[in-house]
C-alpha atoms as a PDB file:
ATOM      1  CA  MET A   1      82.182 -54.243  25.615  1.00  0.00           C
ATOM      2  CA  SER A   2      84.827 -56.842  25.163  1.00  0.00           C
ATOM      3  CA  ASP A   3      87.199 -55.553  27.885  1.00  0.00           C
ATOM      4  CA  ILE A   4      85.296 -57.283  30.684  1.00  0.00           C
ATOM      5  CA  ARG A   5      87.720 -59.593  32.522  1.00  0.00           C
ATOM      6  CA  GLN A   6      86.723 -63.286  32.268  1.00  0.00           C
ATOM      7  CA  VAL A   7      87.346 -65.679  35.166  1.00  0.00           C
ATOM      8  CA  THR A   8      86.488 -69.300  35.775  1.00  0.00           C
ATOM      9  CA  PRO A   9      84.607 -70.364  38.937  1.00  0.00           C
ATOM     10  CA  PRO A  10      87.812 -71.587  40.648  1.00  0.00           C
ATOM     11  CA  GLU A  11      89.517 -68.276  39.804  1.00  0.00           C
ATOM     12  CA  ALA A  12      86.483 -66.429  41.178  1.00  0.00           C
ATOM     13  CA  LYS A  13      86.741 -68.375  44.438  1.00  0.00           C
ATOM     14  CA  ARG A  14      90.459 -67.501  44.737  1.00  0.00           C
ATOM     15  CA  ILE A  15      89.674 -63.849  44.144  1.00  0.00           C
ATOM     16  CA  LEU A  16      86.893 -63.823  46.702  1.00  0.00           C
ATOM     17  CA  ASP A  17      89.201 -65.516  49.269  1.00  0.00           C
ATOM     18  CA  ALA A  18      92.160 -63.188  48.584  1.00  0.00           C
ATOM     19  CA  THR A  19      90.441 -59.831  48.032  1.00  0.00           C
ATOM     20  CA  PRO A  20      88.827 -58.076  50.991  1.00  0.00           C
ATOM     21  CA  GLY A  21      85.440 -56.650  50.026  1.00  0.00           C
ATOM     22  CA  ALA A  22      85.138 -58.660  46.766  1.00  0.00           C
ATOM     23  CA  VAL A  23      81.556 -59.814  46.146  1.00  0.00           C
ATOM     24  CA  TYR A  24      79.967 -62.531  44.003  1.00  0.00           C
ATOM     25  CA  LEU A  25      76.955 -60.825  42.463  1.00  0.00           C
ATOM     26  CA  ASP A  26      74.558 -63.592  41.317  1.00  0.00           C
ATOM     27  CA  VAL A  27      72.411 -62.011  38.615  1.00  0.00           C
ATOM     28  CA  ARG A  28      70.092 -65.029  38.150  1.00  0.00           C
ATOM     29  CA  THR A  29      66.398 -64.918  39.038  1.00  0.00           C
ATOM     30  CA  PRO A  30      65.406 -65.164  42.716  1.00  0.00           C
ATOM     31  CA  GLU A  31      64.072 -68.699  42.049  1.00  0.00           C
ATOM     32  CA  GLU A  32      67.389 -69.855  40.575  1.00  0.00           C
ATOM     33  CA  PHE A  33      69.308 -68.222  43.454  1.00  0.00           C
ATOM     34  CA  ALA A  34      67.087 -69.943  46.044  1.00  0.00           C
ATOM     35  CA  ALA A  35      67.762 -73.346  44.515  1.00  0.00           C
ATOM     36  CA  GLY A  36      71.490 -72.944  45.191  1.00  0.00           C
ATOM     37  CA  HIS A  37      74.206 -70.321  44.758  1.00  0.00           C
ATOM     38  CA  PRO A  38      77.900 -69.747  45.485  1.00  0.00           C
ATOM     39  CA  GLU A  39      78.434 -69.443  49.208  1.00  0.00           C
ATOM     40  CA  GLY A  40      78.524 -65.785  50.183  1.00  0.00           C
ATOM     41  CA  ALA A  41      76.871 -64.533  46.974  1.00  0.00           C
ATOM     42  CA  ILE A  42      74.272 -61.795  46.949  1.00  0.00           C
ATOM     43  CA  ASN A  43      71.343 -61.753  44.488  1.00  0.00           C
ATOM     44  CA  ALA A  44      70.460 -58.881  42.167  1.00  0.00           C
ATOM     45  CA  PRO A  45      68.797 -60.282  39.045  1.00  0.00           C
ATOM     46  CA  ALA A  46      69.713 -58.567  35.764  1.00  0.00           C
ATOM     47  CA  PHE A  47      66.806 -60.336  34.051  1.00  0.00           C
ATOM     48  CA  LEU A  48      63.440 -61.597  35.359  1.00  0.00           C
ATOM     49  CA  LYS A  49      61.091 -64.226  34.015  1.00  0.00           C
ATOM     50  CA  GLY A  50      58.564 -62.763  31.691  1.00  0.00           C
ATOM     51  CA  LEU A  51      56.787 -63.681  28.495  1.00  0.00           C
ATOM     52  CA  PRO A  52      58.230 -65.010  26.287  1.00  0.00           C
ATOM     53  CA  GLY A  53      61.300 -65.887  28.389  1.00  0.00           C
ATOM     54  CA  MET A  54      63.536 -63.403  30.190  1.00  0.00           C
ATOM     55  CA  SER A  55      63.200 -59.619  30.198  1.00  0.00           C
ATOM     56  CA  PRO A  56      65.598 -56.995  31.578  1.00  0.00           C
ATOM     57  CA  ASN A  57      65.150 -56.034  35.182  1.00  0.00           C
ATOM     58  CA  ASP A  58      64.852 -52.214  35.240  1.00  0.00           C
ATOM     59  CA  GLU A  59      65.786 -52.200  38.929  1.00  0.00           C
ATOM     60  CA  PHE A  60      69.157 -53.988  38.389  1.00  0.00           C
ATOM     61  CA  LEU A  61      71.485 -50.994  37.890  1.00  0.00           C
ATOM     62  CA  PRO A  62      69.780 -48.593  40.344  1.00  0.00           C
ATOM     63  CA  LEU A  63      69.768 -51.374  42.981  1.00  0.00           C
ATOM     64  CA  VAL A  64      73.429 -52.283  42.543  1.00  0.00           C
ATOM     65  CA  GLU A  65      74.399 -48.582  42.585  1.00  0.00           C
ATOM     66  CA  LYS A  66      72.724 -48.258  45.986  1.00  0.00           C
ATOM     67  CA  ILE A  67      74.186 -51.391  47.585  1.00  0.00           C
ATOM     68  CA  LEU A  68      77.715 -51.571  46.213  1.00  0.00           C
ATOM     69  CA  PRO A  69      80.380 -48.849  45.854  1.00  0.00           C
ATOM     70  CA  LYS A  70      81.744 -48.378  42.355  1.00  0.00           C
ATOM     71  CA  ASP A  71      85.284 -49.327  43.446  1.00  0.00           C
ATOM     72  CA  ARG A  72      84.264 -52.665  45.046  1.00  0.00           C
ATOM     73  CA  PRO A  73      85.508 -55.779  43.208  1.00  0.00           C
ATOM     74  CA  ILE A  74      82.412 -57.460  41.703  1.00  0.00           C
ATOM     75  CA  LEU A  75      82.308 -60.934  40.168  1.00  0.00           C
ATOM     76  CA  CYS A  76      79.111 -61.252  38.121  1.00  0.00           C
ATOM     77  CA  GLY A  77      77.753 -64.783  37.768  1.00  0.00           C
ATOM     78  CA  CYS A  78      74.645 -66.401  36.373  1.00  0.00           C
ATOM     79  CA  GLN A  79      73.832 -69.973  35.284  1.00  0.00           C
ATOM     80  CA  ALA A  80      76.282 -70.273  32.355  1.00  0.00           C
ATOM     81  CA  GLY A  81      77.903 -66.861  31.835  1.00  0.00           C
ATOM     82  CA  GLY A  82      75.668 -65.075  29.276  1.00  0.00           C
ATOM     83  CA  ARG A  83      73.408 -62.996  31.488  1.00  0.00           C
ATOM     84  CA  SER A  84      76.306 -62.176  33.829  1.00  0.00           C
ATOM     85  CA  MET A  85      78.350 -60.895  30.887  1.00  0.00           C
ATOM     86  CA  LYS A  86      75.517 -58.498  30.026  1.00  0.00           C
ATOM     87  CA  ALA A  87      75.258 -57.481  33.687  1.00  0.00           C
ATOM     88  CA  ALA A  88      79.022 -56.874  33.853  1.00  0.00           C
ATOM     89  CA  GLU A  89      78.821 -54.710  30.752  1.00  0.00           C
ATOM     90  CA  ILE A  90      75.968 -52.669  32.282  1.00  0.00           C
ATOM     91  CA  LEU A  91      77.965 -52.133  35.497  1.00  0.00           C
ATOM     92  CA  ALA A  92      81.192 -51.214  33.672  1.00  0.00           C
ATOM     93  CA  ALA A  93      79.314 -48.721  31.499  1.00  0.00           C
ATOM     94  CA  ALA A  94      77.867 -47.154  34.654  1.00  0.00           C
ATOM     95  CA  GLY A  95      81.346 -46.560  36.105  1.00  0.00           C
ATOM     96  CA  PHE A  96      81.984 -49.676  38.210  1.00  0.00           C
ATOM     97  CA  ARG A  97      85.770 -50.051  38.015  1.00  0.00           C
ATOM     98  CA  ASP A  98      86.511 -53.645  38.998  1.00  0.00           C
ATOM     99  CA  VAL A  99      83.998 -55.969  37.327  1.00  0.00           C
ATOM    100  CA  ALA A 100      84.610 -59.516  36.050  1.00  0.00           C
ATOM    101  CA  ASN A 101      82.338 -62.115  34.459  1.00  0.00           C
ATOM    102  CA  VAL A 102      82.348 -65.623  35.823  1.00  0.00           C
ATOM    103  CA  GLN A 103      82.473 -67.881  32.769  1.00  0.00           C
ATOM    104  CA  GLY A 104      80.504 -71.036  33.310  1.00  0.00           C
ATOM    105  CA  GLY A 105      78.547 -69.358  36.128  1.00  0.00           C
ATOM    106  CA  PHE A 106      76.829 -71.711  38.559  1.00  0.00           C
ATOM    107  CA  GLY A 107      75.756 -74.480  36.221  1.00  0.00           C
ATOM    108  CA  GLY A 108      78.422 -74.519  33.480  1.00  0.00           C
ATOM    109  CA  ALA A 109      78.823 -73.172  29.963  1.00  0.00           C
ATOM    110  CA  ARG A 110      77.983 -75.543  27.118  1.00  0.00           C
ATOM    111  CA  ASP A 111      78.757 -75.597  23.422  1.00  0.00           C
ATOM    112  CA  ALA A 112      76.177 -76.045  20.651  1.00  0.00           C
ATOM    113  CA  THR A 113      76.145 -79.811  21.166  1.00  0.00           C
ATOM    114  CA  GLY A 114      75.413 -79.468  24.878  1.00  0.00           C
ATOM    115  CA  ARG A 115      78.916 -80.509  26.003  1.00  0.00           C
ATOM    116  CA  VAL A 116      80.160 -78.614  29.072  1.00  0.00           C
ATOM    117  CA  VAL A 117      83.090 -76.406  27.984  1.00  0.00           C
ATOM    118  CA  VAL A 118      83.523 -74.513  31.290  1.00  0.00           C
ATOM    119  CA  PRO A 119      82.378 -76.314  34.473  1.00  0.00           C
ATOM    120  CA  GLY A 120      80.222 -74.151  36.656  1.00  0.00           C
ATOM    121  CA  TRP A 121      80.680 -73.300  40.339  1.00  0.00           C
ATOM    122  CA  ARG A 122      78.598 -76.296  41.501  1.00  0.00           C
ATOM    123  CA  ASP A 123      80.375 -78.855  39.273  1.00  0.00           C
ATOM    124  CA  ALA A 124      83.818 -77.457  40.178  1.00  0.00           C
ATOM    125  CA  GLY A 125      83.086 -78.608  43.720  1.00  0.00           C
ATOM    126  CA  LEU A 126      83.076 -75.105  45.164  1.00  0.00           C
ATOM    127  CA  PRO A 127      80.997 -74.280  48.265  1.00  0.00           C
ATOM    128  CA  VAL A 128      77.254 -73.983  47.525  1.00  0.00           C
ATOM    129  CA  SER A 129      74.634 -72.386  49.742  1.00  0.00           C
ATOM    130  CA  THR A 130      70.860 -72.253  49.895  1.00  0.00           C
ATOM    131  CA  ASP A 131      70.944 -69.326  52.364  1.00  0.00           C
ATOM    132  CA  ALA A 132      67.669 -67.418  51.942  1.00  0.00           C
ATOM    133  CA  SER A 133      68.362 -64.760  54.570  1.00  0.00           C
ATOM    134  CA  GLU A 134      67.608 -61.123  53.979  1.00  0.00           C
ATOM    135  CA  ALA A 135      71.369 -60.402  53.890  1.00  0.00           C
ATOM    136  CA  VAL A 136      71.694 -62.151  50.476  1.00  0.00           C
ATOM    137  CA  THR A 137      68.321 -62.325  48.694  1.00  0.00           C
ATOM    138  CA  TYR A 138      66.901 -60.007  46.072  1.00  0.00           C
ATOM    139  CA  GLU A 139      64.099 -58.901  48.408  1.00  0.00           C
ATOM    140  CA  GLY A 140      66.688 -58.208  51.111  1.00  0.00           C
ATOM    141  CA  MET A 141      68.835 -56.216  48.628  1.00  0.00           C
ATOM    142  CA  ARG A 142      65.724 -54.254  47.632  1.00  0.00           C
ATOM    143  CA  ARG A 143      64.938 -53.392  51.252  1.00  0.00           C
ATOM    144  CA  LYS A 144      68.570 -52.449  51.891  1.00  0.00           C
ATOM    145  CA  ALA A 145      68.364 -50.085  48.912  1.00  0.00           C
ATOM    146  CA  GLY A 146      65.100 -48.567  50.150  1.00  0.00           C
ATOM    147  CA  ARG A 147      62.980 -49.999  47.288  1.00  0.00           C
END
């Protein structure tokens, strides 16, 4: 799906500040989220660590469907923008109407040479949190959804 709206981290911050109810959905693993995430983000990993690497999280869509209404503005972010793009496509295909992908995610998008082409949330100097409360973590989201 190429019709997913792409936003940079500073644009995402402006949207979050200006749009009541907008949410930053951090789709990284719980470990990545715990190490630092955009302030106010909630965690619902689209992929989990497995062997060899990352594997899809079968709980992702059912969980998000239980915790967020389909008309809520959602900004999907990950480490660089790849996993969040897949997550945004999954949500849009399931009927979520206002979904965007945060290019550069938390850590920045890089080209084949390793050069940063889109600075991430952290490097853009945007507010970072290590909040591990039940209100934002994957385990908290799972409990909220009755899982």
